[in-house]
Amino acid sequence: MSGNGYGGGVGVEGYIRRHHRRDVAENQRSSHLVQHIKAPVHLVWSLVRRFDQPQKYKPFINRCVVRGNLEVGTVREVGVKSGLPATTSMERLELLDEEEHVLSISIVGGDHRLKNYSSIISLHPEVIDGRSGTMAIESFVVDVPEGNTKDETCFFVEALIKCNLKSLADISERLAAQGRTNH
């Protein structure tokens, strides 16, 4: 279904070593997820890089208010849709690498149990069915809340990220089909 047509054969593990290495404490959980998207990197990046508009592809976010300019250190307050155990989250932009297509955020507040949460998403060109595609890799580290196990924490966070990555793929692929772009 997919192959690594660009990137010098680095592959998932190489990209994880390059962009997603982290120190994980005993009371934390970490994982990474991969999504293959049938749309070129520049199109997918145009959605991911918008720290000020995560609701464009993240289905659990209904609003976003940014404090400051769009640069490292900028904080956003996002409103979380009902059905999740939170209503707001305060998130800081940690990295926005336009050349490598890497975005990192950390949660710095909010009414939820995700303490010391940080995530990194990186995008990598690949060929899917003979066309320009994107491999998205998202990793996270988070404290395990009191009363939860490491597995429960990982299951919850991975479920949210899977939904976000699936939505990113669906929207990107729809935009690619509308524009018939193959850059």
C-alpha atoms as a PDB file:
ATOM      1  CA  MET A   1       0.000   0.000   0.000  1.00  0.00           C
ATOM      2  CA  SER A   2       2.755   2.452   0.805  1.00  0.00           C
ATOM      3  CA  GLY A   3       6.455   2.829   0.371  1.00  0.00           C
ATOM      4  CA  ASN A   4       9.081   5.270   1.404  1.00  0.00           C
ATOM      5  CA  GLY A   5       9.712   6.815  -1.998  1.00  0.00           C
ATOM      6  CA  TYR A   6      11.621   9.794  -0.605  1.00  0.00           C
ATOM      7  CA  GLY A   7      13.779  10.402   2.405  1.00  0.00           C
ATOM      8  CA  GLY A   8      16.657   8.149   1.429  1.00  0.00           C
ATOM      9  CA  GLY A   9      15.075   5.006   2.835  1.00  0.00           C
ATOM     10  CA  VAL A  10      15.114   6.310   6.399  1.00  0.00           C
ATOM     11  CA  GLY A  11      11.775   4.732   7.312  1.00  0.00           C
ATOM     12  CA  VAL A  12       9.618   5.065  10.416  1.00  0.00           C
ATOM     13  CA  GLU A  13      12.261   4.056  12.964  1.00  0.00           C
ATOM     14  CA  GLY A  14      14.800   6.490  11.513  1.00  0.00           C
ATOM     15  CA  TYR A  15      12.312   9.354  11.614  1.00  0.00           C
ATOM     16  CA  ILE A  16      11.390   8.477  15.210  1.00  0.00           C
ATOM     17  CA  ARG A  17      15.073   8.496  16.234  1.00  0.00           C
ATOM     18  CA  ARG A  18      15.554  11.838  14.466  1.00  0.00           C
ATOM     19  CA  HIS A  19      12.446  13.769  15.561  1.00  0.00           C
ATOM     20  CA  HIS A  20      10.743  11.885  18.408  1.00  0.00           C
ATOM     21  CA  ARG A  21      13.403  10.900  20.965  1.00  0.00           C
ATOM     22  CA  ARG A  22      12.404  11.667  24.531  1.00  0.00           C
ATOM     23  CA  ASP A  23      13.307  11.024  28.116  1.00  0.00           C
ATOM     24  CA  VAL A  24      10.437   9.226  29.811  1.00  0.00           C
ATOM     25  CA  ALA A  25      10.208   9.161  33.611  1.00  0.00           C
ATOM     26  CA  GLU A  26       8.962   6.157  35.590  1.00  0.00           C
ATOM     27  CA  ASN A  27       5.540   7.799  36.187  1.00  0.00           C
ATOM     28  CA  GLN A  28       5.038   8.640  32.495  1.00  0.00           C
ATOM     29  CA  ARG A  29       3.796   6.917  29.379  1.00  0.00           C
ATOM     30  CA  SER A  30       5.030   7.476  25.825  1.00  0.00           C
ATOM     31  CA  SER A  31       4.048   6.122  22.439  1.00  0.00           C
ATOM     32  CA  HIS A  32       3.950   7.013  18.753  1.00  0.00           C
ATOM     33  CA  LEU A  33       1.408   6.500  15.991  1.00  0.00           C
ATOM     34  CA  VAL A  34       1.796   6.514  12.209  1.00  0.00           C
ATOM     35  CA  GLN A  35      -0.763   7.575   9.593  1.00  0.00           C
ATOM     36  CA  HIS A  36      -0.234   7.247   5.840  1.00  0.00           C
ATOM     37  CA  ILE A  37      -2.004  10.029   3.938  1.00  0.00           C
ATOM     38  CA  LYS A  38      -2.717  10.070   0.207  1.00  0.00           C
ATOM     39  CA  ALA A  39      -1.843  13.758  -0.158  1.00  0.00           C
ATOM     40  CA  PRO A  40       1.466  15.560  -0.652  1.00  0.00           C
ATOM     41  CA  VAL A  41       3.436  16.831   2.344  1.00  0.00           C
ATOM     42  CA  HIS A  42       2.974  20.519   1.491  1.00  0.00           C
ATOM     43  CA  LEU A  43      -0.807  20.130   1.597  1.00  0.00           C
ATOM     44  CA  VAL A  44      -0.845  18.177   4.889  1.00  0.00           C
ATOM     45  CA  TRP A  45       1.641  20.633   6.422  1.00  0.00           C
ATOM     46  CA  SER A  46      -0.625  23.540   5.493  1.00  0.00           C
ATOM     47  CA  LEU A  47      -3.119  22.127   8.038  1.00  0.00           C
ATOM     48  CA  VAL A  48      -0.713  20.874  10.722  1.00  0.00           C
ATOM     49  CA  ARG A  49       1.388  24.060  10.906  1.00  0.00           C
ATOM     50  CA  ARG A  50      -1.647  26.199  11.840  1.00  0.00           C
ATOM     51  CA  PHE A  51      -1.075  26.288  15.596  1.00  0.00           C
ATOM     52  CA  ASP A  52      -3.763  28.976  15.648  1.00  0.00           C
ATOM     53  CA  GLN A  53      -6.387  26.755  13.969  1.00  0.00           C
ATOM     54  CA  PRO A  54      -6.126  23.164  15.251  1.00  0.00           C
ATOM     55  CA  GLN A  55      -9.886  22.765  14.842  1.00  0.00           C
ATOM     56  CA  LYS A  56      -9.309  22.594  11.057  1.00  0.00           C
ATOM     57  CA  TYR A  57      -8.528  18.898  11.493  1.00  0.00           C
ATOM     58  CA  LYS A  58      -8.820  18.023  15.190  1.00  0.00           C
ATOM     59  CA  PRO A  59     -12.454  16.960  15.678  1.00  0.00           C
ATOM     60  CA  PHE A  60     -12.520  17.375  19.476  1.00  0.00           C
ATOM     61  CA  ILE A  61     -11.606  21.080  19.359  1.00  0.00           C
ATOM     62  CA  ASN A  62     -14.328  23.664  18.772  1.00  0.00           C
ATOM     63  CA  ARG A  63     -12.398  26.923  19.229  1.00  0.00           C
ATOM     64  CA  CYS A  64      -8.913  28.318  19.612  1.00  0.00           C
ATOM     65  CA  VAL A  65      -7.680  31.636  20.997  1.00  0.00           C
ATOM     66  CA  VAL A  66      -3.997  32.468  20.523  1.00  0.00           C
ATOM     67  CA  ARG A  67      -2.114  34.768  22.847  1.00  0.00           C
ATOM     68  CA  GLY A  68       0.810  36.409  21.080  1.00  0.00           C
ATOM     69  CA  ASN A  69       2.429  35.916  17.709  1.00  0.00           C
ATOM     70  CA  LEU A  70       2.771  32.543  16.042  1.00  0.00           C
ATOM     71  CA  GLU A  71       6.252  31.719  17.281  1.00  0.00           C
ATOM     72  CA  VAL A  72       7.880  29.336  19.728  1.00  0.00           C
ATOM     73  CA  GLY A  73       6.511  30.098  23.189  1.00  0.00           C
ATOM     74  CA  THR A  74       3.104  31.223  21.937  1.00  0.00           C
ATOM     75  CA  VAL A  75       0.202  29.903  24.037  1.00  0.00           C
ATOM     76  CA  ARG A  76      -3.223  28.933  22.760  1.00  0.00           C
ATOM     77  CA  GLU A  77      -6.400  28.146  24.665  1.00  0.00           C
ATOM     78  CA  VAL A  78      -8.507  25.514  22.971  1.00  0.00           C
ATOM     79  CA  GLY A  79     -12.109  24.676  23.720  1.00  0.00           C
ATOM     80  CA  VAL A  80     -12.838  20.966  23.912  1.00  0.00           C
ATOM     81  CA  LYS A  81     -16.137  19.595  22.596  1.00  0.00           C
ATOM     82  CA  SER A  82     -18.475  17.912  25.038  1.00  0.00           C
ATOM     83  CA  GLY A  83     -18.087  14.199  25.569  1.00  0.00           C
ATOM     84  CA  LEU A  84     -14.493  14.420  26.768  1.00  0.00           C
ATOM     85  CA  PRO A  85     -13.404  14.862  30.394  1.00  0.00           C
ATOM     86  CA  ALA A  86     -12.331  18.490  29.820  1.00  0.00           C
ATOM     87  CA  THR A  87     -13.603  21.830  28.521  1.00  0.00           C
ATOM     88  CA  THR A  88     -10.357  23.758  27.948  1.00  0.00           C
ATOM     89  CA  SER A  89      -6.674  23.155  27.403  1.00  0.00           C
ATOM     90  CA  MET A  90      -3.784  25.643  27.432  1.00  0.00           C
ATOM     91  CA  GLU A  91      -1.044  24.648  24.987  1.00  0.00           C
ATOM     92  CA  ARG A  92       2.348  26.153  24.188  1.00  0.00           C
ATOM     93  CA  LEU A  93       4.085  25.977  20.820  1.00  0.00           C
ATOM     94  CA  GLU A  94       7.473  24.354  21.445  1.00  0.00           C
ATOM     95  CA  LEU A  95       8.722  23.853  17.872  1.00  0.00           C
ATOM     96  CA  LEU A  96       7.577  24.859  14.388  1.00  0.00           C
ATOM     97  CA  ASP A  97      10.130  23.642  11.833  1.00  0.00           C
ATOM     98  CA  GLU A  98       8.950  24.664   8.371  1.00  0.00           C
ATOM     99  CA  GLU A  99      11.777  22.853   6.547  1.00  0.00           C
ATOM    100  CA  GLU A 100      11.569  19.504   8.363  1.00  0.00           C
ATOM    101  CA  HIS A 101       7.753  19.720   8.788  1.00  0.00           C
ATOM    102  CA  VAL A 102       7.808  19.192  12.556  1.00  0.00           C
ATOM    103  CA  LEU A 103       5.446  20.742  15.122  1.00  0.00           C
ATOM    104  CA  SER A 104       5.673  20.237  18.876  1.00  0.00           C
ATOM    105  CA  ILE A 105       3.339  21.413  21.619  1.00  0.00           C
ATOM    106  CA  SER A 106       3.130  21.023  25.372  1.00  0.00           C
ATOM    107  CA  ILE A 107       0.100  21.359  27.602  1.00  0.00           C
ATOM    108  CA  VAL A 108       0.622  24.035  30.237  1.00  0.00           C
ATOM    109  CA  GLY A 109      -2.852  24.137  31.812  1.00  0.00           C
ATOM    110  CA  GLY A 110      -6.522  23.328  31.519  1.00  0.00           C
ATOM    111  CA  ASP A 111      -9.244  21.419  33.313  1.00  0.00           C
ATOM    112  CA  HIS A 112      -8.097  17.905  32.428  1.00  0.00           C
ATOM    113  CA  ARG A 113      -5.791  15.199  33.750  1.00  0.00           C
ATOM    114  CA  LEU A 114      -3.073  15.366  31.064  1.00  0.00           C
ATOM    115  CA  LYS A 115      -0.152  16.638  33.140  1.00  0.00           C
ATOM    116  CA  ASN A 116       3.312  17.157  31.647  1.00  0.00           C
ATOM    117  CA  TYR A 117       1.896  16.245  28.231  1.00  0.00           C
ATOM    118  CA  SER A 118       3.924  17.020  25.142  1.00  0.00           C
ATOM    119  CA  SER A 119       3.527  15.865  21.573  1.00  0.00           C
ATOM    120  CA  ILE A 120       5.501  16.009  18.364  1.00  0.00           C
ATOM    121  CA  ILE A 121       4.086  15.516  14.888  1.00  0.00           C
ATOM    122  CA  SER A 122       6.410  15.130  11.920  1.00  0.00           C
ATOM    123  CA  LEU A 123       5.497  14.760   8.241  1.00  0.00           C
ATOM    124  CA  HIS A 124       7.551  12.833   5.704  1.00  0.00           C
ATOM    125  CA  PRO A 125       7.099  12.423   1.943  1.00  0.00           C
ATOM    126  CA  GLU A 126       6.399   8.946   0.638  1.00  0.00           C
ATOM    127  CA  VAL A 127       4.879   7.363  -2.429  1.00  0.00           C
ATOM    128  CA  ILE A 128       1.442   5.788  -2.004  1.00  0.00           C
ATOM    129  CA  ASP A 129      -0.089   3.984  -4.972  1.00  0.00           C
ATOM    130  CA  GLY A 130       2.384   5.725  -7.281  1.00  0.00           C
ATOM    131  CA  ARG A 131       1.479   9.219  -6.077  1.00  0.00           C
ATOM    132  CA  SER A 132       2.906  11.784  -3.669  1.00  0.00           C
ATOM    133  CA  GLY A 133       1.829  10.962  -0.158  1.00  0.00           C
ATOM    134  CA  THR A 134       2.711  11.741   3.426  1.00  0.00           C
ATOM    135  CA  MET A 135       3.681   9.656   6.408  1.00  0.00           C
ATOM    136  CA  ALA A 136       2.588  11.454   9.582  1.00  0.00           C
ATOM    137  CA  ILE A 137       4.176  10.353  12.848  1.00  0.00           C
ATOM    138  CA  GLU A 138       2.862  11.671  16.154  1.00  0.00           C
ATOM    139  CA  SER A 139       4.456  10.867  19.487  1.00  0.00           C
ATOM    140  CA  PHE A 140       3.602  11.897  23.027  1.00  0.00           C
ATOM    141  CA  VAL A 141       4.796  11.771  26.617  1.00  0.00           C
ATOM    142  CA  VAL A 142       2.413  12.261  29.546  1.00  0.00           C
ATOM    143  CA  ASP A 143       2.264  11.654  33.281  1.00  0.00           C
ATOM    144  CA  VAL A 144       0.112   8.714  34.349  1.00  0.00           C
ATOM    145  CA  PRO A 145      -2.692  10.234  36.467  1.00  0.00           C
ATOM    146  CA  GLU A 146      -3.207   8.922  39.961  1.00  0.00           C
ATOM    147  CA  GLY A 147      -5.792   6.133  39.860  1.00  0.00           C
ATOM    148  CA  ASN A 148      -4.951   5.131  36.272  1.00  0.00           C
ATOM    149  CA  THR A 149      -2.544   2.551  34.892  1.00  0.00           C
ATOM    150  CA  LYS A 150       0.083   3.202  32.237  1.00  0.00           C
ATOM    151  CA  ASP A 151      -1.962   1.109  29.798  1.00  0.00           C
ATOM    152  CA  GLU A 152      -5.193   3.035  30.487  1.00  0.00           C
ATOM    153  CA  THR A 153      -3.386   6.344  29.999  1.00  0.00           C
ATOM    154  CA  CYS A 154      -1.791   5.202  26.758  1.00  0.00           C
ATOM    155  CA  PHE A 155      -5.087   3.815  25.433  1.00  0.00           C
ATOM    156  CA  PHE A 156      -6.891   7.116  26.082  1.00  0.00           C
ATOM    157  CA  VAL A 157      -4.228   9.368  24.533  1.00  0.00           C
ATOM    158  CA  GLU A 158      -3.672   7.047  21.561  1.00  0.00           C
ATOM    159  CA  ALA A 159      -7.437   7.016  20.873  1.00  0.00           C
ATOM    160  CA  LEU A 160      -7.481  10.838  20.703  1.00  0.00           C
ATOM    161  CA  ILE A 161      -4.405  10.962  18.459  1.00  0.00           C
ATOM    162  CA  LYS A 162      -5.789   8.240  16.167  1.00  0.00           C
ATOM    163  CA  CYS A 163      -8.967  10.286  15.687  1.00  0.00           C
ATOM    164  CA  ASN A 164      -6.936  13.428  14.965  1.00  0.00           C
ATOM    165  CA  LEU A 165      -4.656  11.651  12.474  1.00  0.00           C
ATOM    166  CA  LYS A 166      -7.605   9.965  10.741  1.00  0.00           C
ATOM    167  CA  SER A 167      -9.335  13.338  10.432  1.00  0.00           C
ATOM    168  CA  LEU A 168      -6.101  14.904   9.123  1.00  0.00           C
ATOM    169  CA  ALA A 169      -5.889  12.145   6.502  1.00  0.00           C
ATOM    170  CA  ASP A 170      -9.545  12.474   5.468  1.00  0.00           C
ATOM    171  CA  ILE A 171      -9.401  16.268   5.109  1.00  0.00           C
ATOM    172  CA  SER A 172      -6.012  16.255   3.342  1.00  0.00           C
ATOM    173  CA  GLU A 173      -7.090  13.553   0.905  1.00  0.00           C
ATOM    174  CA  ARG A 174     -10.326  15.400   0.156  1.00  0.00           C
ATOM    175  CA  LEU A 175      -8.381  18.623  -0.505  1.00  0.00           C
ATOM    176  CA  ALA A 176      -5.896  16.755  -2.696  1.00  0.00           C
ATOM    177  CA  ALA A 177      -8.726  15.194  -4.715  1.00  0.00           C
ATOM    178  CA  GLN A 178     -10.417  18.571  -5.175  1.00  0.00           C
ATOM    179  CA  GLY A 179      -7.200  20.237  -6.288  1.00  0.00           C
ATOM    180  CA  ARG A 180      -5.909  17.180  -8.121  1.00  0.00           C
ATOM    181  CA  THR A 181      -2.476  18.200  -6.883  1.00  0.00           C
ATOM    182  CA  ASN A 182       0.449  15.824  -7.221  1.00  0.00           C
ATOM    183  CA  HIS A 183       3.436  17.945  -6.154  1.00  0.00           C
END
